[in-house]
Amino acid sequence: MSGQIIPRGKDTWLVRVFIGRDENGKRKYHNKTIHGGKKVAQKYLNDMLREKDAGTQIEKRAACLDDSHLCKTL
């Protein structure tokens, strides 16, 4: 499974997309909190999975989640 929708509260969802493993074998995920209905979260997950399959953008977003927590323009 490449993506998950996890309920976090009333109309709040955590969307997780698996992007791969780092050089140490640790799993890397793209995480995003979505506020709204489950359909909104499903649409976001579908969009991220489409980007992952196409090999665009999602890897760049994951680079922003590095240890430094600073996002550089790629």
C-alpha atoms as a PDB file:
ATOM      1  CA  MET A   1       0.000   0.000   0.000  1.00  0.00           C
ATOM      2  CA  SER A   2       1.466   3.340  -1.060  1.00  0.00           C
ATOM      3  CA  GLY A   3      -0.869   5.688   0.774  1.00  0.00           C
ATOM      4  CA  GLN A   4      -3.059   5.917   3.848  1.00  0.00           C
ATOM      5  CA  ILE A   5      -5.839   8.107   5.161  1.00  0.00           C
ATOM      6  CA  ILE A   6      -5.815   8.178   8.964  1.00  0.00           C
ATOM      7  CA  PRO A   7      -8.634   9.875  10.906  1.00  0.00           C
ATOM      8  CA  ARG A   8      -7.356  12.467  13.402  1.00  0.00           C
ATOM      9  CA  GLY A   9     -10.571  14.053  14.630  1.00  0.00           C
ATOM     10  CA  LYS A  10     -13.794  15.500  13.344  1.00  0.00           C
ATOM     11  CA  ASP A  11     -13.230  16.293   9.647  1.00  0.00           C
ATOM     12  CA  THR A  12      -9.440  16.048  10.088  1.00  0.00           C
ATOM     13  CA  TRP A  13      -7.365  13.444   8.258  1.00  0.00           C
ATOM     14  CA  LEU A  14      -3.690  12.565   8.024  1.00  0.00           C
ATOM     15  CA  VAL A  15      -2.707  11.563   4.492  1.00  0.00           C
ATOM     16  CA  ARG A  16       0.544   9.562   4.266  1.00  0.00           C
ATOM     17  CA  VAL A  17       2.286   8.551   1.053  1.00  0.00           C
ATOM     18  CA  PHE A  18       5.272   6.198   1.116  1.00  0.00           C
ATOM     19  CA  ILE A  19       8.090   7.629  -1.002  1.00  0.00           C
ATOM     20  CA  GLY A  20      10.837   5.118  -0.420  1.00  0.00           C
ATOM     21  CA  ARG A  21      13.734   4.448   1.897  1.00  0.00           C
ATOM     22  CA  ASP A  22      16.756   6.571   2.721  1.00  0.00           C
ATOM     23  CA  GLU A  23      20.374   5.403   2.572  1.00  0.00           C
ATOM     24  CA  ASN A  24      20.041   3.770   6.019  1.00  0.00           C
ATOM     25  CA  GLY A  25      16.901   1.831   5.082  1.00  0.00           C
ATOM     26  CA  LYS A  26      14.580   4.073   7.090  1.00  0.00           C
ATOM     27  CA  ARG A  27      11.122   4.563   5.562  1.00  0.00           C
ATOM     28  CA  LYS A  28      10.301   8.032   4.221  1.00  0.00           C
ATOM     29  CA  TYR A  29       6.763   9.392   3.997  1.00  0.00           C
ATOM     30  CA  HIS A  30       5.091  12.525   2.721  1.00  0.00           C
ATOM     31  CA  ASN A  31       2.569  13.560   5.440  1.00  0.00           C
ATOM     32  CA  LYS A  32      -0.174  16.160   5.152  1.00  0.00           C
ATOM     33  CA  THR A  33      -3.057  17.047   7.486  1.00  0.00           C
ATOM     34  CA  ILE A  34      -6.268  17.678   5.563  1.00  0.00           C
ATOM     35  CA  HIS A  35      -9.223  19.573   7.067  1.00  0.00           C
ATOM     36  CA  GLY A  36     -12.590  18.763   5.504  1.00  0.00           C
ATOM     37  CA  GLY A  37     -14.495  15.686   4.494  1.00  0.00           C
ATOM     38  CA  LYS A  38     -13.007  12.315   3.689  1.00  0.00           C
ATOM     39  CA  LYS A  39     -13.576  12.968  -0.023  1.00  0.00           C
ATOM     40  CA  VAL A  40     -11.188  15.934   0.200  1.00  0.00           C
ATOM     41  CA  ALA A  41      -8.550  13.721   1.825  1.00  0.00           C
ATOM     42  CA  GLN A  42      -9.102  10.996  -0.806  1.00  0.00           C
ATOM     43  CA  LYS A  43      -8.703  13.546  -3.613  1.00  0.00           C
ATOM     44  CA  TYR A  44      -5.415  14.763  -2.108  1.00  0.00           C
ATOM     45  CA  LEU A  45      -4.169  11.168  -1.727  1.00  0.00           C
ATOM     46  CA  ASN A  46      -5.101  10.389  -5.341  1.00  0.00           C
ATOM     47  CA  ASP A  47      -3.262  13.504  -6.537  1.00  0.00           C
ATOM     48  CA  MET A  48      -0.117  12.586  -4.568  1.00  0.00           C
ATOM     49  CA  LEU A  49      -0.182   8.977  -5.807  1.00  0.00           C
ATOM     50  CA  ARG A  50      -0.568  10.246  -9.385  1.00  0.00           C
ATOM     51  CA  GLU A  51       2.477  12.498  -8.890  1.00  0.00           C
ATOM     52  CA  LYS A  52       4.414   9.601  -7.379  1.00  0.00           C
ATOM     53  CA  ASP A  53       3.569   7.341 -10.332  1.00  0.00           C
ATOM     54  CA  ALA A  54       4.559  10.067 -12.791  1.00  0.00           C
ATOM     55  CA  GLY A  55       7.817  10.642 -10.900  1.00  0.00           C
ATOM     56  CA  THR A  56       7.214  14.350 -10.361  1.00  0.00           C
ATOM     57  CA  GLN A  57       7.015  16.825  -7.481  1.00  0.00           C
ATOM     58  CA  ILE A  58       6.492  14.448  -4.518  1.00  0.00           C
ATOM     59  CA  GLU A  59      10.230  13.722  -4.197  1.00  0.00           C
ATOM     60  CA  LYS A  60      10.895  17.461  -4.096  1.00  0.00           C
ATOM     61  CA  ARG A  61       8.321  17.871  -1.329  1.00  0.00           C
ATOM     62  CA  ALA A  62       9.931  15.037   0.629  1.00  0.00           C
ATOM     63  CA  ALA A  63      13.293  16.821   0.433  1.00  0.00           C
ATOM     64  CA  CYS A  64      11.697  19.612   2.477  1.00  0.00           C
ATOM     65  CA  LEU A  65      11.155  17.190   5.357  1.00  0.00           C
ATOM     66  CA  ASP A  66      14.883  16.697   5.894  1.00  0.00           C
ATOM     67  CA  ASP A  67      16.517  16.859   9.359  1.00  0.00           C
ATOM     68  CA  SER A  68      17.170  20.582   8.933  1.00  0.00           C
ATOM     69  CA  HIS A  69      13.386  21.288   8.600  1.00  0.00           C
ATOM     70  CA  LEU A  70      14.332  23.997   6.139  1.00  0.00           C
ATOM     71  CA  CYS A  71      12.995  23.869   2.648  1.00  0.00           C
ATOM     72  CA  LYS A  72      15.274  25.111  -0.086  1.00  0.00           C
ATOM     73  CA  THR A  73      13.980  25.976  -3.498  1.00  0.00           C
ATOM     74  CA  LEU A  74      14.844  23.097  -5.795  1.00  0.00           C
END
